[in-house]
Amino acid sequence: MTDVTLRNQNSELVRRGYAAFNSGEMDTLTQIIDESCTWHTPGKSPIAGDYEGREATFGQFGRYGGETNGTFRADL
């Protein structure tokens, strides 16, 4: 596999992830995001911090929606 092919596959995976996040497709996110992932939300707000594991990461994603009354969208 060439570097270009790998980059294209990675880019497509990221695009799928953003689309799944914005549409709430949890099955797709579960396929894409590893169980042992780590998520970091920068800043000093109440939702800032590090989240370990897919369950904690998905919980954080839920907070994004909850804290913004469902208006949060991730732009690539």
N, C-alpha and C. Protein backbone atom coordinates (compact mmCIF):
# COMPACT_ATOMS: atom_id res chain seq x y z
N MET A 1 0.85 -1.17 0.00
CA MET A 1 0.00 0.00 0.00
C MET A 1 0.89 1.24 0.00
N THR A 2 0.58 2.18 -0.87
CA THR A 2 1.39 3.39 -0.96
C THR A 2 0.99 4.39 0.12
N ASP A 3 1.86 5.35 0.37
CA ASP A 3 1.56 6.41 1.34
C ASP A 3 0.33 7.20 0.92
N VAL A 4 0.19 7.44 -0.39
CA VAL A 4 -0.97 8.20 -0.89
C VAL A 4 -2.25 7.42 -0.63
N THR A 5 -2.24 6.13 -0.89
CA THR A 5 -3.42 5.30 -0.66
C THR A 5 -3.78 5.31 0.82
N LEU A 6 -2.80 5.16 1.68
CA LEU A 6 -3.04 5.16 3.12
C LEU A 6 -3.60 6.51 3.58
N ARG A 7 -3.03 7.59 3.07
CA ARG A 7 -3.54 8.94 3.43
C ARG A 7 -4.99 9.10 2.98
N ASN A 8 -5.31 8.62 1.78
CA ASN A 8 -6.68 8.72 1.28
C ASN A 8 -7.63 7.90 2.14
N GLN A 9 -7.22 6.72 2.56
CA GLN A 9 -8.06 5.90 3.43
C GLN A 9 -8.26 6.57 4.78
N ASN A 10 -7.20 7.13 5.33
CA ASN A 10 -7.30 7.83 6.61
C ASN A 10 -8.20 9.05 6.50
N SER A 11 -8.06 9.80 5.40
CA SER A 11 -8.90 10.98 5.20
C SER A 11 -10.37 10.59 5.12
N GLU A 12 -10.66 9.52 4.40
CA GLU A 12 -12.04 9.06 4.28
C GLU A 12 -12.59 8.62 5.64
N LEU A 13 -11.78 7.97 6.43
CA LEU A 13 -12.20 7.54 7.76
C LEU A 13 -12.55 8.75 8.63
N VAL A 14 -11.73 9.78 8.58
CA VAL A 14 -12.00 10.99 9.35
C VAL A 14 -13.29 11.65 8.87
N ARG A 15 -13.49 11.72 7.56
CA ARG A 15 -14.73 12.30 7.02
C ARG A 15 -15.95 11.52 7.50
N ARG A 16 -15.86 10.20 7.45
CA ARG A 16 -16.96 9.35 7.94
C ARG A 16 -17.23 9.60 9.42
N GLY A 17 -16.16 9.77 10.18
CA GLY A 17 -16.31 10.02 11.61
C GLY A 17 -17.02 11.33 11.90
N TYR A 18 -16.62 12.39 11.21
CA TYR A 18 -17.28 13.68 11.39
C TYR A 18 -18.74 13.61 10.99
N ALA A 19 -19.03 12.98 9.86
CA ALA A 19 -20.42 12.85 9.41
C ALA A 19 -21.24 12.04 10.41
N ALA A 20 -20.67 10.97 10.92
CA ALA A 20 -21.38 10.14 11.90
C ALA A 20 -21.62 10.91 13.19
N PHE A 21 -20.64 11.66 13.64
CA PHE A 21 -20.80 12.45 14.85
C PHE A 21 -21.94 13.45 14.68
N ASN A 22 -21.92 14.19 13.57
CA ASN A 22 -22.92 15.24 13.36
C ASN A 22 -24.33 14.70 13.15
N SER A 23 -24.45 13.46 12.71
CA SER A 23 -25.77 12.88 12.51
C SER A 23 -26.16 11.91 13.62
N GLY A 24 -25.28 11.74 14.60
CA GLY A 24 -25.58 10.86 15.73
C GLY A 24 -25.58 9.38 15.39
N GLU A 25 -24.83 8.98 14.40
CA GLU A 25 -24.75 7.58 13.99
C GLU A 25 -23.80 6.82 14.92
N MET A 26 -24.33 6.36 16.02
CA MET A 26 -23.50 5.71 17.04
C MET A 26 -22.90 4.40 16.56
N ASP A 27 -23.60 3.66 15.71
CA ASP A 27 -23.04 2.41 15.20
C ASP A 27 -21.76 2.67 14.41
N THR A 28 -21.77 3.69 13.57
CA THR A 28 -20.58 4.03 12.79
C THR A 28 -19.46 4.49 13.71
N LEU A 29 -19.78 5.35 14.67
CA LEU A 29 -18.75 5.82 15.61
C LEU A 29 -18.17 4.65 16.40
N THR A 30 -19.00 3.70 16.77
CA THR A 30 -18.51 2.53 17.51
C THR A 30 -17.54 1.72 16.66
N GLN A 31 -17.79 1.64 15.37
CA GLN A 31 -16.88 0.92 14.47
C GLN A 31 -15.57 1.67 14.29
N ILE A 32 -15.63 3.00 14.28
CA ILE A 32 -14.46 3.81 13.98
C ILE A 32 -13.58 4.05 15.20
N ILE A 33 -14.19 4.28 16.36
CA ILE A 33 -13.45 4.69 17.55
C ILE A 33 -13.12 3.48 18.41
N ASP A 34 -11.85 3.27 18.66
CA ASP A 34 -11.37 2.12 19.43
C ASP A 34 -11.83 2.20 20.89
N GLU A 35 -12.04 1.04 21.49
CA GLU A 35 -12.47 0.97 22.90
C GLU A 35 -11.48 1.64 23.84
N SER A 36 -10.21 1.67 23.48
CA SER A 36 -9.18 2.20 24.39
C SER A 36 -8.74 3.61 23.99
N CYS A 37 -9.60 4.34 23.27
CA CYS A 37 -9.22 5.67 22.82
C CYS A 37 -9.10 6.64 24.00
N THR A 38 -8.47 7.76 23.75
CA THR A 38 -8.41 8.87 24.70
C THR A 38 -8.87 10.11 23.96
N TRP A 39 -9.76 10.88 24.59
CA TRP A 39 -10.29 12.11 23.99
C TRP A 39 -9.90 13.28 24.87
N HIS A 40 -9.48 14.37 24.26
CA HIS A 40 -9.10 15.57 25.00
C HIS A 40 -9.96 16.74 24.56
N THR A 41 -10.62 17.38 25.51
CA THR A 41 -11.34 18.62 25.24
C THR A 41 -10.53 19.73 25.91
N PRO A 42 -9.96 20.64 25.11
CA PRO A 42 -9.10 21.67 25.68
C PRO A 42 -9.89 22.73 26.44
N GLY A 43 -9.16 23.50 27.24
CA GLY A 43 -9.75 24.64 27.92
C GLY A 43 -9.86 24.46 29.41
N LYS A 44 -10.59 25.36 30.03
CA LYS A 44 -10.78 25.35 31.48
C LYS A 44 -12.27 25.32 31.85
N SER A 45 -13.11 25.02 30.89
CA SER A 45 -14.55 24.98 31.13
C SER A 45 -14.92 23.70 31.89
N PRO A 46 -16.15 23.62 32.35
CA PRO A 46 -16.59 22.40 33.05
C PRO A 46 -16.50 21.13 32.21
N ILE A 47 -16.52 21.26 30.87
CA ILE A 47 -16.43 20.05 30.05
C ILE A 47 -15.02 19.78 29.54
N ALA A 48 -14.06 20.60 29.92
CA ALA A 48 -12.67 20.38 29.51
C ALA A 48 -12.09 19.18 30.25
N GLY A 49 -11.14 18.53 29.62
CA GLY A 49 -10.44 17.44 30.29
C GLY A 49 -10.13 16.29 29.36
N ASP A 50 -9.59 15.23 29.96
CA ASP A 50 -9.24 14.02 29.23
C ASP A 50 -10.22 12.92 29.58
N TYR A 51 -10.62 12.17 28.58
CA TYR A 51 -11.61 11.11 28.74
C TYR A 51 -11.01 9.84 28.19
N GLU A 52 -10.93 8.81 29.01
CA GLU A 52 -10.27 7.56 28.63
C GLU A 52 -11.30 6.49 28.32
N GLY A 53 -11.17 5.92 27.13
CA GLY A 53 -12.05 4.84 26.70
C GLY A 53 -13.22 5.35 25.89
N ARG A 54 -13.76 4.44 25.07
CA ARG A 54 -14.86 4.81 24.18
C ARG A 54 -16.10 5.24 24.95
N GLU A 55 -16.42 4.56 26.03
CA GLU A 55 -17.61 4.91 26.81
C GLU A 55 -17.51 6.34 27.36
N ALA A 56 -16.37 6.69 27.93
CA ALA A 56 -16.17 8.04 28.45
C ALA A 56 -16.16 9.07 27.32
N THR A 57 -15.58 8.70 26.19
CA THR A 57 -15.55 9.60 25.03
C THR A 57 -16.96 9.85 24.52
N PHE A 58 -17.76 8.81 24.40
CA PHE A 58 -19.14 8.99 23.95
C PHE A 58 -19.94 9.80 24.97
N GLY A 59 -19.65 9.62 26.24
CA GLY A 59 -20.28 10.44 27.26
C GLY A 59 -19.95 11.91 27.06
N GLN A 60 -18.71 12.18 26.71
CA GLN A 60 -18.28 13.55 26.44
C GLN A 60 -19.00 14.10 25.21
N PHE A 61 -19.14 13.29 24.19
CA PHE A 61 -19.87 13.71 23.00
C PHE A 61 -21.30 14.10 23.39
N GLY A 62 -21.90 13.32 24.26
CA GLY A 62 -23.26 13.62 24.74
C GLY A 62 -23.31 14.95 25.47
N ARG A 63 -22.28 15.25 26.22
CA ARG A 63 -22.22 16.54 26.92
C ARG A 63 -22.17 17.70 25.94
N TYR A 64 -21.44 17.53 24.84
CA TYR A 64 -21.40 18.59 23.83
C TYR A 64 -22.83 18.93 23.38
N GLY A 65 -23.59 17.90 23.11
CA GLY A 65 -24.96 18.12 22.68
C GLY A 65 -25.82 18.69 23.79
N GLY A 66 -25.67 18.15 24.98
CA GLY A 66 -26.47 18.61 26.10
C GLY A 66 -26.18 20.04 26.50
N GLU A 67 -24.93 20.40 26.52
CA GLU A 67 -24.53 21.75 26.94
C GLU A 67 -24.90 22.81 25.90
N THR A 68 -25.14 22.38 24.65
CA THR A 68 -25.46 23.35 23.60
C THR A 68 -26.90 23.18 23.09
N ASN A 69 -27.71 22.46 23.87
CA ASN A 69 -29.10 22.19 23.47
C ASN A 69 -29.18 21.59 22.07
N GLY A 70 -28.25 20.71 21.77
CA GLY A 70 -28.26 20.00 20.51
C GLY A 70 -27.77 20.78 19.30
N THR A 71 -27.17 21.93 19.52
CA THR A 71 -26.73 22.74 18.38
C THR A 71 -25.27 22.53 18.00
N PHE A 72 -24.50 21.81 18.83
CA PHE A 72 -23.08 21.62 18.54
C PHE A 72 -22.91 20.81 17.26
N ARG A 73 -22.01 21.28 16.39
CA ARG A 73 -21.62 20.55 15.19
C ARG A 73 -20.12 20.64 15.06
N ALA A 74 -19.54 19.56 14.63
CA ALA A 74 -18.09 19.52 14.40
C ALA A 74 -17.83 19.78 12.92
N ASP A 75 -17.00 20.76 12.63
CA ASP A 75 -16.62 21.08 11.27
C ASP A 75 -15.22 20.55 10.98
N LEU A 76 -15.07 19.91 9.87
CA LEU A 76 -13.78 19.37 9.47
C LEU A 76 -12.97 20.45 8.80
